[in-house]
Amino acid sequence: MTTETVPNPTGSVPTTGKPSDDRLPPGSKLLIGLLLVSAFVVILNETIMSVALPRLMQDLDITASSAQWLTTGFMLTMAVVIPATGFLLERFSLRTMFITAMVLFSLGTLIAALSPGFGTLLLGRVVQASGTAIMMPLLMTTVLNVVPVSARGRTMGAISIVISVAPAVGPTVSGLILSVLDWRWMFWIVLPIAVASLVLGAVLVRNVTEPRRVRFDVLSLVLSAFAFGGLIFGLSSIGESAEGHALMPVWIPLTVGVLALLGFVLRQRALARDDRAFMDLRTFANRSFSVSIILVVIVMMALFGSLIILPIYLQTVLQVDTLTTGLMLLPGGLTMAALAPLVGSLFDRFGPRPLVIPGAFAVSAALWLLTMLGVGSAIVMIIAVHVLLSAGLAFMFTPLLTSALGSLRPELYPHGSAIVGTVQQLAGAAGTALFITMMSTTAAARAAAGSAAVDATAAGVQAAFMCGAVLSLLAIGASFLIRRTDQASAGMHVGH
């Protein structure tokens, strides 16, 4: 059995870690812990604005369409920056990238906290997103470089808490803050945590990767910006278009995005021949990576679609206030957080299939149950179904991420991490667009037919979850295609 060289985060001579050894190199636990906390804080801000939009519309005297840009602008920036992280993580050291990410995020948070109006607040959100986009690929690449294969599932379990739980608890956090404080405190409370992470990182973070000179391809950056930015903008505009508030016809940004994506793919294939790809798409030649990414898309669509529809249902149909809405979604987020370490340990022992398949069935069952929501649904039932959905997602996230990234060659880790991050943003936008569009069009049709507003909205919510439930059947089918990777097999065989 071959050994793998694991760079030492303390900056000394690299040590050699064997898959049979679950112990991390000296200093790695502290390093990964710091990265996890930092990533949780920055990703929490992706959804923290959702509950605050009505308050912001009133305080800043802006329309709903303008307020939505505080979320859409964040997602657009992420979509543009994340594809570049594969190149950046190859070209620059971990320490440099961490400090850059946290400086950008802290600066954006300060701008938002001090913002006198909408324009400055939007600028702060964009700067925040630039730092956020770097953190997740950086965290994943670091873990893949320092954690032995046999312990990788447990560590990726912790990462899945960041990816899935942070967005899920964002509305709860903002609901709690807004119940007692001004909206600017959403940023003032986060700022000292971000600055503390930056200071600790500047002292503790050492390099665990070996930067290499990679030629920067400007055309790839431009194509990726138009491709992923156009797709995210177009998908985000579908819901507004259904309500008659879109800035432009939806087909324009979607067409630009698709054409630019085609050009981007062709460009990367050409650059890959000389090992100069901006985002190396040879990762998709790996079957485990491709199948896992397809499932990640379906899972993220279900997560973000539910995150946007459930609060609308609770506040519009059941007339629940924002704080109660946030608290109702909290048990699901806590369930994901509690299950993630357990799922990671089970992955290290049994591999992905025994976890992903029941997880897919649980997600599907929850979405089918959510299709029965109506004007008189019990709050206890809604919380229970959301917990079931969260549990199913928890059983899928860690195995899928670990299988996808762990199946790649080490030199493709940065590119695989960047692809996962990009796909998550696209899937989140697509899920939001799909669920919102189904809800809006169905509600409008029912209202036109003479239904009361509450009944029409309830019918729209049912249609949205029906769409998600049908989609979940694809996830069940794809879950049976998941296979144990060679690396995972080696880790389990030796470690257990």
Protein backbone atom coordinates (compact mmCIF):
# COMPACT_ATOMS: atom_id res chain seq x y z
CA MET A 1 0.00 0.00 0.00
CA THR A 2 1.33 3.41 -0.88
CA THR A 3 1.70 6.22 1.61
CA GLU A 4 0.70 9.81 1.05
CA THR A 5 2.73 12.83 1.93
CA VAL A 6 0.82 15.22 4.13
CA PRO A 7 2.10 18.80 4.36
CA ASN A 8 2.56 19.96 7.96
CA PRO A 9 0.50 23.05 8.78
CA THR A 10 3.06 24.17 11.35
CA GLY A 11 5.38 25.09 8.51
CA SER A 12 8.10 22.56 9.40
CA VAL A 13 9.32 19.64 7.32
CA PRO A 14 6.32 17.71 5.91
CA THR A 15 5.41 14.50 7.65
CA THR A 16 4.30 11.28 6.06
CA GLY A 17 0.79 10.15 6.99
CA LYS A 18 -0.51 6.68 6.23
CA PRO A 19 -4.12 5.87 5.60
CA SER A 20 -3.95 3.46 8.51
CA ASP A 21 -3.27 6.36 10.90
CA ASP A 22 -6.32 8.35 11.88
CA ARG A 23 -4.19 10.96 13.64
CA LEU A 24 -3.81 14.33 11.96
CA PRO A 25 -0.41 16.00 11.50
CA PRO A 26 0.55 18.33 14.40
CA GLY A 27 -1.44 21.56 14.38
CA SER A 28 -4.00 20.33 11.85
CA LYS A 29 -6.94 20.12 14.29
CA LEU A 30 -6.46 23.74 15.31
CA LEU A 31 -6.09 24.80 11.68
CA ILE A 32 -9.22 22.96 10.51
CA GLY A 33 -11.19 24.15 13.56
CA LEU A 34 -10.33 27.77 12.77
CA LEU A 35 -11.25 27.33 9.11
CA LEU A 36 -14.57 25.68 10.07
CA VAL A 37 -15.57 28.52 12.41
CA SER A 38 -14.55 31.13 9.84
CA ALA A 39 -16.44 29.37 7.05
CA PHE A 40 -19.56 29.00 9.22
CA VAL A 41 -19.59 32.72 9.98
CA VAL A 42 -19.16 33.80 6.36
CA ILE A 43 -21.67 31.32 4.88
CA LEU A 44 -24.27 32.16 7.54
CA ASN A 45 -24.50 35.57 5.87
CA GLU A 46 -25.72 34.08 2.59
CA THR A 47 -29.26 33.64 3.97
CA ILE A 48 -29.24 36.01 6.95
CA MET A 49 -30.97 38.76 4.95
CA SER A 50 -34.05 36.76 3.94
CA VAL A 51 -36.15 37.52 7.03
CA ALA A 52 -34.85 41.11 7.17
CA LEU A 53 -36.08 42.19 3.72
CA PRO A 54 -39.48 43.56 4.84
CA ARG A 55 -37.77 45.66 7.55
CA LEU A 56 -35.19 46.94 5.06
CA MET A 57 -37.89 47.86 2.53
CA GLN A 58 -39.51 50.04 5.20
CA ASP A 59 -36.36 51.58 6.70
CA LEU A 60 -34.59 52.28 3.37
CA ASP A 61 -37.77 53.08 1.41
CA ILE A 62 -37.05 50.56 -1.35
CA THR A 63 -39.21 48.15 -3.35
CA ALA A 64 -39.29 44.37 -2.93
CA SER A 65 -37.38 43.94 -6.20
CA SER A 66 -34.60 46.26 -5.00
CA ALA A 67 -34.41 44.58 -1.59
CA GLN A 68 -34.09 41.16 -3.26
CA TRP A 69 -30.81 42.35 -4.79
CA LEU A 70 -29.21 42.15 -1.33
CA THR A 71 -29.53 38.37 -1.70
CA THR A 72 -29.26 38.13 -5.50
CA GLY A 73 -26.16 40.36 -5.56
CA PHE A 74 -24.52 38.13 -2.94
CA MET A 75 -25.24 35.00 -5.00
CA LEU A 76 -24.07 36.66 -8.24
CA THR A 77 -20.74 37.64 -6.68
CA MET A 78 -20.28 34.12 -5.34
CA ALA A 79 -21.03 32.68 -8.79
CA VAL A 80 -18.41 34.91 -10.41
CA VAL A 81 -15.65 34.45 -7.81
CA ILE A 82 -15.93 30.73 -6.94
CA PRO A 83 -14.89 29.43 -10.41
CA ALA A 84 -11.68 31.43 -10.04
CA THR A 85 -10.76 29.80 -6.73
CA GLY A 86 -9.37 26.68 -8.43
CA PHE A 87 -6.73 28.86 -10.09
CA LEU A 88 -6.19 31.03 -6.99
CA LEU A 89 -5.61 28.05 -4.68
CA GLU A 90 -3.05 26.64 -7.08
CA ARG A 91 -1.28 29.96 -7.56
CA PHE A 92 -1.23 31.33 -3.99
CA SER A 93 -0.56 29.87 -0.54
CA LEU A 94 -3.27 28.86 1.93
CA ARG A 95 -2.21 31.60 4.37
CA THR A 96 -2.45 34.30 1.69
CA MET A 97 -5.87 33.13 0.54
CA PHE A 98 -7.25 32.85 4.08
CA ILE A 99 -6.16 36.35 5.03
CA THR A 100 -7.53 37.73 1.74
CA ALA A 101 -10.90 36.02 2.29
CA MET A 102 -11.31 37.22 5.88
CA VAL A 103 -10.13 40.78 5.12
CA LEU A 104 -12.71 41.02 2.32
CA PHE A 105 -15.47 39.56 4.47
CA SER A 106 -14.65 41.77 7.48
CA LEU A 107 -14.45 44.88 5.28
CA GLY A 108 -17.78 44.07 3.63
CA THR A 109 -19.40 43.49 7.03
CA LEU A 110 -18.12 46.89 8.28
CA ILE A 111 -19.40 48.67 5.15
CA ALA A 112 -22.83 47.04 5.60
CA ALA A 113 -22.96 47.91 9.31
CA LEU A 114 -22.15 51.58 8.59
CA SER A 115 -24.30 51.85 5.44
CA PRO A 116 -26.55 54.94 5.38
CA GLY A 117 -28.58 53.68 2.41
CA PHE A 118 -29.31 50.87 -0.02
CA GLY A 119 -26.36 51.45 -2.39
CA THR A 120 -23.74 51.22 0.36
CA LEU A 121 -25.46 48.19 1.89
CA LEU A 122 -25.42 46.40 -1.48
CA LEU A 123 -21.70 47.25 -1.87
CA GLY A 124 -21.03 45.76 1.56
CA ARG A 125 -22.86 42.57 0.59
CA VAL A 126 -20.83 42.24 -2.62
CA VAL A 127 -17.52 42.66 -0.75
CA GLN A 128 -18.73 40.15 1.87
CA ALA A 129 -19.56 37.64 -0.86
CA SER A 130 -16.09 37.99 -2.42
CA GLY A 131 -14.56 36.70 0.82
CA THR A 132 -17.24 34.06 1.34
CA ALA A 133 -16.65 32.62 -2.13
CA ILE A 134 -13.01 31.87 -1.29
CA MET A 135 -13.59 30.23 2.10
CA MET A 136 -15.38 26.98 1.22
CA PRO A 137 -13.04 25.81 -1.59
CA LEU A 138 -10.12 26.81 0.65
CA LEU A 139 -11.50 24.74 3.55
CA MET A 140 -12.16 21.67 1.37
CA THR A 141 -8.76 21.81 -0.31
CA THR A 142 -7.04 22.08 3.07
CA VAL A 143 -8.91 19.08 4.50
CA LEU A 144 -8.15 16.94 1.45
CA ASN A 145 -4.45 17.77 1.81
CA VAL A 146 -4.00 17.17 5.56
CA VAL A 147 -6.61 14.58 6.63
CA PRO A 148 -5.82 10.85 6.15
CA VAL A 149 -8.33 9.02 3.96
CA SER A 150 -9.57 6.85 6.84
CA ALA A 151 -10.61 9.93 8.88
CA ARG A 152 -11.85 12.06 6.00
CA GLY A 153 -15.56 11.26 6.45
CA ARG A 154 -15.63 12.63 10.00
CA THR A 155 -13.94 15.86 8.94
CA MET A 156 -16.17 16.28 5.91
CA GLY A 157 -19.09 15.74 8.28
CA ALA A 158 -18.02 18.90 10.07
CA ILE A 159 -17.77 20.70 6.72
CA SER A 160 -21.29 19.61 5.83
CA ILE A 161 -22.47 21.41 8.99
CA VAL A 162 -21.05 24.59 7.51
CA ILE A 163 -22.51 24.01 4.03
CA SER A 164 -26.00 22.93 5.06
CA VAL A 165 -26.62 24.20 8.59
CA ALA A 166 -25.22 27.72 8.24
CA PRO A 167 -27.70 28.69 5.47
CA ALA A 168 -30.49 26.89 7.35
CA VAL A 169 -30.01 28.83 10.61
CA GLY A 170 -29.43 32.19 8.89
CA PRO A 171 -33.15 33.11 9.00
CA THR A 172 -33.35 32.05 12.66
CA VAL A 173 -30.39 34.24 13.62
CA SER A 174 -31.75 37.26 11.75
CA GLY A 175 -35.23 36.71 13.22
CA LEU A 176 -33.80 36.73 16.76
CA ILE A 177 -31.73 39.85 16.13
CA LEU A 178 -34.55 41.76 14.44
CA SER A 179 -36.95 40.99 17.27
CA VAL A 180 -34.92 43.21 19.63
CA LEU A 181 -32.42 45.25 17.59
CA ASP A 182 -31.97 47.36 14.44
CA TRP A 183 -31.08 45.48 11.21
CA ARG A 184 -27.53 46.89 11.25
CA TRP A 185 -26.82 44.72 14.31
CA MET A 186 -26.90 41.68 12.02
CA PHE A 187 -23.52 42.98 10.84
CA TRP A 188 -22.20 44.52 14.08
CA ILE A 189 -22.61 41.18 15.89
CA VAL A 190 -20.80 39.26 13.14
CA LEU A 191 -17.94 41.78 12.71
CA PRO A 192 -15.94 41.04 15.91
CA ILE A 193 -16.16 37.29 15.22
CA ALA A 194 -14.85 37.83 11.69
CA VAL A 195 -12.02 40.10 12.89
CA ALA A 196 -11.08 37.59 15.63
CA SER A 197 -10.90 34.82 13.01
CA LEU A 198 -8.73 37.05 10.83
CA VAL A 199 -6.30 37.82 13.69
CA LEU A 200 -6.11 34.18 14.84
CA GLY A 201 -5.62 33.05 11.25
CA ALA A 202 -2.81 35.53 10.68
CA VAL A 203 -1.03 34.03 13.70
CA LEU A 204 -1.88 30.34 13.37
CA VAL A 205 -2.47 29.49 9.70
CA ARG A 206 0.50 27.96 7.90
CA ASN A 207 0.76 26.69 4.35
CA VAL A 208 -0.31 23.10 3.65
CA THR A 209 -0.25 23.34 -0.14
CA GLU A 210 2.59 23.97 -2.56
CA PRO A 211 1.78 26.98 -4.80
CA ARG A 212 2.87 26.68 -8.41
CA ARG A 213 3.10 29.20 -11.19
CA VAL A 214 -0.03 28.91 -13.29
CA ARG A 215 -0.63 31.25 -16.21
CA PHE A 216 -3.73 33.38 -15.67
CA ASP A 217 -6.23 33.14 -18.52
CA VAL A 218 -8.25 36.37 -18.76
CA LEU A 219 -10.66 34.93 -21.34
CA SER A 220 -11.61 32.10 -18.95
CA LEU A 221 -12.37 34.60 -16.19
CA VAL A 222 -14.56 36.70 -18.51
CA LEU A 223 -16.40 33.65 -19.85
CA SER A 224 -16.98 32.25 -16.35
CA ALA A 225 -18.30 35.60 -15.11
CA PHE A 226 -20.84 35.79 -17.96
CA ALA A 227 -21.66 32.06 -17.77
CA PHE A 228 -22.27 31.60 -14.06
CA GLY A 229 -23.30 35.20 -13.43
CA GLY A 230 -25.79 35.06 -16.31
CA LEU A 231 -27.26 31.75 -15.17
CA ILE A 232 -27.60 32.82 -11.53
CA PHE A 233 -29.12 36.18 -12.53
CA GLY A 234 -31.52 34.54 -14.96
CA LEU A 235 -32.61 31.85 -12.51
CA SER A 236 -33.01 34.43 -9.72
CA SER A 237 -35.14 36.58 -12.03
CA ILE A 238 -37.63 33.81 -12.85
CA GLY A 239 -39.52 34.32 -9.61
CA GLU A 240 -39.60 38.11 -10.10
CA SER A 241 -40.73 37.62 -13.70
CA ALA A 242 -43.63 35.42 -12.55
CA GLU A 243 -44.72 38.32 -10.33
CA GLY A 244 -44.13 40.90 -13.08
CA HIS A 245 -41.11 42.60 -11.47
CA ALA A 246 -38.13 41.38 -13.57
CA LEU A 247 -35.57 43.97 -14.69
CA MET A 248 -35.36 42.37 -18.15
CA PRO A 249 -36.82 39.36 -19.98
CA VAL A 250 -35.51 36.23 -18.28
CA TRP A 251 -34.41 34.62 -21.57
CA ILE A 252 -31.70 37.30 -22.08
CA PRO A 253 -29.44 36.49 -19.09
CA LEU A 254 -30.17 32.76 -19.42
CA THR A 255 -29.18 32.76 -23.11
CA VAL A 256 -26.03 34.77 -22.38
CA GLY A 257 -25.22 32.37 -19.54
CA VAL A 258 -25.70 29.22 -21.62
CA LEU A 259 -23.65 30.54 -24.57
CA ALA A 260 -20.87 31.77 -22.28
CA LEU A 261 -20.89 28.42 -20.45
CA LEU A 262 -20.46 26.60 -23.76
CA GLY A 263 -17.52 28.87 -24.61
CA PHE A 264 -16.08 28.37 -21.11
CA VAL A 265 -16.21 24.57 -21.40
CA LEU A 266 -14.54 24.59 -24.83
CA ARG A 267 -11.87 26.97 -23.54
CA GLN A 268 -11.12 24.76 -20.50
CA ARG A 269 -10.84 21.65 -22.66
CA ALA A 270 -8.31 23.43 -24.85
CA LEU A 271 -6.28 24.71 -21.88
CA ALA A 272 -6.34 21.30 -20.15
CA ARG A 273 -4.18 19.86 -22.94
CA ASP A 274 -1.33 22.04 -21.63
CA ASP A 275 -2.36 21.64 -17.97
CA ARG A 276 -3.39 25.32 -17.82
CA ALA A 277 -7.13 25.02 -17.19
CA PHE A 278 -8.76 27.82 -15.18
CA MET A 279 -11.29 25.24 -13.91
CA ASP A 280 -10.13 21.73 -14.77
CA LEU A 281 -13.19 19.87 -16.08
CA ARG A 282 -11.30 16.57 -16.27
CA THR A 283 -12.78 16.00 -12.81
CA PHE A 284 -16.02 14.96 -14.57
CA ALA A 285 -14.19 12.06 -16.23
CA ASN A 286 -14.33 10.47 -12.77
CA ARG A 287 -17.62 8.57 -12.47
CA SER A 288 -17.88 8.90 -8.68
CA PHE A 289 -17.37 12.66 -8.93
CA SER A 290 -19.99 13.08 -11.68
CA VAL A 291 -22.72 10.99 -10.00
CA SER A 292 -22.11 12.68 -6.65
CA ILE A 293 -22.32 16.15 -8.24
CA ILE A 294 -25.67 15.28 -9.87
CA LEU A 295 -27.03 14.28 -6.46
CA VAL A 296 -25.57 17.41 -4.82
CA VAL A 297 -27.50 19.49 -7.38
CA ILE A 298 -30.81 17.78 -6.49
CA VAL A 299 -30.14 18.01 -2.74
CA MET A 300 -29.20 21.72 -2.86
CA MET A 301 -32.28 22.49 -4.95
CA ALA A 302 -34.45 20.81 -2.31
CA LEU A 303 -32.67 22.62 0.55
CA PHE A 304 -32.78 26.16 -0.87
CA GLY A 305 -36.24 25.72 -2.38
CA SER A 306 -37.58 24.65 1.02
CA LEU A 307 -35.73 27.47 2.80
CA ILE A 308 -37.48 30.05 0.60
CA ILE A 309 -40.97 28.48 0.47
CA LEU A 310 -41.49 27.41 4.09
CA PRO A 311 -41.07 30.94 5.57
CA ILE A 312 -43.46 32.32 2.91
CA TYR A 313 -46.02 29.64 3.79
CA LEU A 314 -45.66 30.15 7.54
CA GLN A 315 -45.92 33.95 7.39
CA THR A 316 -48.51 34.29 4.60
CA VAL A 317 -50.80 31.30 5.09
CA LEU A 318 -50.46 30.55 8.81
CA GLN A 319 -49.84 34.23 9.77
CA VAL A 320 -46.79 33.40 11.93
CA ASP A 321 -44.37 36.24 12.82
CA THR A 322 -40.72 36.31 11.71
CA LEU A 323 -39.25 35.29 15.06
CA THR A 324 -41.55 32.26 15.36
CA THR A 325 -40.79 31.36 11.73
CA GLY A 326 -37.07 31.34 12.47
CA LEU A 327 -37.55 29.28 15.63
CA MET A 328 -39.71 26.74 13.78
CA LEU A 329 -36.91 26.13 11.28
CA LEU A 330 -34.28 25.83 14.02
CA PRO A 331 -34.93 22.16 15.02
CA GLY A 332 -34.20 21.09 11.44
CA GLY A 333 -30.92 23.00 11.41
CA LEU A 334 -29.93 21.54 14.77
CA THR A 335 -30.80 18.06 13.51
CA MET A 336 -28.41 18.46 10.59
CA ALA A 337 -25.69 19.72 12.91
CA ALA A 338 -26.17 16.83 15.35
CA LEU A 339 -26.21 14.13 12.66
CA ALA A 340 -23.26 15.38 10.58
CA PRO A 341 -20.44 13.99 12.82
CA LEU A 342 -22.29 10.66 13.18
CA VAL A 343 -22.80 10.39 9.43
CA GLY A 344 -19.11 11.18 8.89
CA SER A 345 -18.05 8.35 11.22
CA LEU A 346 -20.50 5.96 9.55
CA PHE A 347 -19.08 6.93 6.16
CA ASP A 348 -15.55 6.09 7.30
CA ARG A 349 -16.82 2.68 8.40
CA PHE A 350 -19.36 1.68 5.74
CA GLY A 351 -18.84 3.96 2.73
CA PRO A 352 -21.40 6.18 0.98
CA ARG A 353 -24.13 3.86 -0.35
CA PRO A 354 -25.69 2.66 2.96
CA LEU A 355 -26.09 6.34 3.92
CA VAL A 356 -27.07 8.06 0.67
CA ILE A 357 -29.87 5.64 -0.28
CA PRO A 358 -31.90 5.96 2.98
CA GLY A 359 -31.14 9.68 2.99
CA ALA A 360 -32.66 10.05 -0.47
CA PHE A 361 -35.78 8.13 0.62
CA ALA A 362 -36.14 10.36 3.71
CA VAL A 363 -35.81 13.57 1.65
CA SER A 364 -38.38 12.29 -0.84
CA ALA A 365 -40.82 11.26 1.92
CA ALA A 366 -40.52 14.69 3.56
CA LEU A 367 -41.15 16.55 0.28
CA TRP A 368 -44.22 14.40 -0.48
CA LEU A 369 -45.55 15.14 3.02
CA LEU A 370 -44.98 18.87 2.44
CA THR A 371 -47.25 18.70 -0.61
CA MET A 372 -50.13 18.26 1.85
CA LEU A 373 -49.61 21.60 3.62
CA GLY A 374 -52.78 23.70 3.77
CA VAL A 375 -54.46 26.55 5.59
CA GLY A 376 -55.09 24.43 8.69
CA SER A 377 -51.86 22.42 8.96
CA ALA A 378 -50.56 21.84 12.50
CA ILE A 379 -47.33 23.59 13.44
CA VAL A 380 -46.03 20.44 15.19
CA MET A 381 -46.49 18.43 11.98
CA ILE A 382 -44.62 21.07 9.93
CA ILE A 383 -41.68 21.05 12.34
CA ALA A 384 -41.59 17.22 12.35
CA VAL A 385 -41.57 17.01 8.54
CA HIS A 386 -38.85 19.69 8.34
CA VAL A 387 -36.76 17.68 10.82
CA LEU A 388 -37.25 14.56 8.63
CA LEU A 389 -36.15 16.56 5.56
CA SER A 390 -33.10 17.86 7.43
CA ALA A 391 -32.17 14.36 8.64
CA GLY A 392 -32.36 13.01 5.09
CA LEU A 393 -30.19 15.84 3.79
CA ALA A 394 -27.65 15.21 6.57
CA PHE A 395 -27.34 11.57 5.49
CA MET A 396 -26.60 12.71 1.93
CA PHE A 397 -24.32 15.77 2.22
CA THR A 398 -21.24 14.27 3.87
CA PRO A 399 -21.08 11.03 1.82
CA LEU A 400 -21.65 12.92 -1.45
CA LEU A 401 -19.03 15.60 -0.79
CA THR A 402 -16.48 13.07 0.47
CA SER A 403 -17.10 10.68 -2.44
CA ALA A 404 -16.93 13.47 -5.00
CA LEU A 405 -13.73 15.12 -3.80
CA GLY A 406 -12.02 12.07 -2.32
CA SER A 407 -12.17 10.25 -5.65
CA LEU A 408 -9.99 12.87 -7.38
CA ARG A 409 -6.23 12.99 -7.84
CA PRO A 410 -4.57 15.45 -5.38
CA GLU A 411 -3.65 17.89 -8.16
CA LEU A 412 -7.38 18.22 -8.98
CA TYR A 413 -8.47 19.00 -5.39
CA PRO A 414 -8.59 22.80 -5.86
CA HIS A 415 -10.57 22.46 -9.11
CA GLY A 416 -12.94 19.88 -7.61
CA SER A 417 -13.58 22.16 -4.62
CA ALA A 418 -14.27 25.11 -6.93
CA ILE A 419 -16.68 23.02 -9.04
CA VAL A 420 -18.57 21.85 -5.94
CA GLY A 421 -18.91 25.46 -4.74
CA THR A 422 -20.08 26.68 -8.15
CA VAL A 423 -22.59 23.85 -8.54
CA GLN A 424 -24.01 24.58 -5.08
CA GLN A 425 -24.69 28.21 -6.04
CA LEU A 426 -26.29 27.24 -9.36
CA ALA A 427 -28.39 24.52 -7.72
CA GLY A 428 -29.48 26.88 -4.94
CA ALA A 429 -30.57 29.49 -7.48
CA ALA A 430 -32.28 26.86 -9.63
CA GLY A 431 -34.14 25.40 -6.64
CA THR A 432 -35.27 28.84 -5.51
CA ALA A 433 -36.39 29.73 -9.06
CA LEU A 434 -38.23 26.43 -9.57
CA PHE A 435 -40.09 26.53 -6.25
CA ILE A 436 -40.95 30.26 -6.42
CA THR A 437 -42.12 30.01 -10.04
CA MET A 438 -44.39 27.04 -9.32
CA MET A 439 -45.80 28.78 -6.26
CA SER A 440 -46.34 32.16 -7.97
CA THR A 441 -47.94 30.83 -11.17
CA THR A 442 -50.24 28.41 -9.33
CA ALA A 443 -51.28 31.04 -6.78
CA ALA A 444 -51.96 33.56 -9.55
CA ALA A 445 -54.09 31.05 -11.47
CA ARG A 446 -56.10 30.15 -8.35
CA ALA A 447 -56.60 33.83 -7.47
CA ALA A 448 -57.79 34.55 -11.02
CA ALA A 449 -60.26 31.69 -10.65
CA GLY A 450 -61.75 33.37 -7.59
CA SER A 451 -59.93 31.71 -4.68
CA ALA A 452 -59.13 33.74 -1.56
CA ALA A 453 -55.54 35.02 -1.29
CA VAL A 454 -54.63 32.64 1.54
CA ASP A 455 -56.12 29.62 -0.25
CA ALA A 456 -54.37 30.59 -3.50
CA THR A 457 -51.00 30.87 -1.76
CA ALA A 458 -51.51 27.52 -0.01
CA ALA A 459 -52.22 25.91 -3.39
CA GLY A 460 -49.05 27.52 -4.78
CA VAL A 461 -46.99 26.13 -1.88
CA GLN A 462 -48.39 22.65 -2.53
CA ALA A 463 -47.46 22.92 -6.23
CA ALA A 464 -43.91 24.02 -5.36
CA PHE A 465 -43.34 21.08 -3.04
CA MET A 466 -44.96 18.71 -5.56
CA CYS A 467 -42.31 19.79 -8.06
CA GLY A 468 -39.60 19.13 -5.46
CA ALA A 469 -41.15 15.75 -4.57
CA VAL A 470 -41.07 14.62 -8.21
CA LEU A 471 -37.46 15.79 -8.46
CA SER A 472 -36.60 13.76 -5.35
CA LEU A 473 -37.54 10.56 -7.20
CA LEU A 474 -34.56 11.23 -9.49
CA ALA A 475 -32.38 11.48 -6.40
CA ILE A 476 -33.59 8.06 -5.23
CA GLY A 477 -32.70 6.54 -8.60
CA ALA A 478 -29.29 8.23 -8.72
CA SER A 479 -28.48 7.19 -5.14
CA PHE A 480 -28.23 3.55 -6.27
CA LEU A 481 -25.45 4.56 -8.68
CA ILE A 482 -23.17 5.74 -5.87
CA ARG A 483 -20.16 3.48 -5.52
CA ARG A 484 -17.36 3.25 -3.00
CA THR A 485 -14.27 5.02 -4.38
CA ASP A 486 -10.86 3.38 -4.39
CA GLN A 487 -9.56 5.89 -1.85
CA ALA A 488 -12.53 5.39 0.45
CA SER A 489 -12.17 1.63 0.17
CA ALA A 490 -8.52 1.83 1.13
CA GLY A 491 -9.31 4.03 4.08
CA MET A 492 -12.03 1.75 5.42
CA HIS A 493 -10.10 -1.44 4.82
CA VAL A 494 -7.09 -0.27 6.78
CA GLY A 495 -8.80 1.91 9.38
CA HIS A 496 -11.46 -0.60 10.33
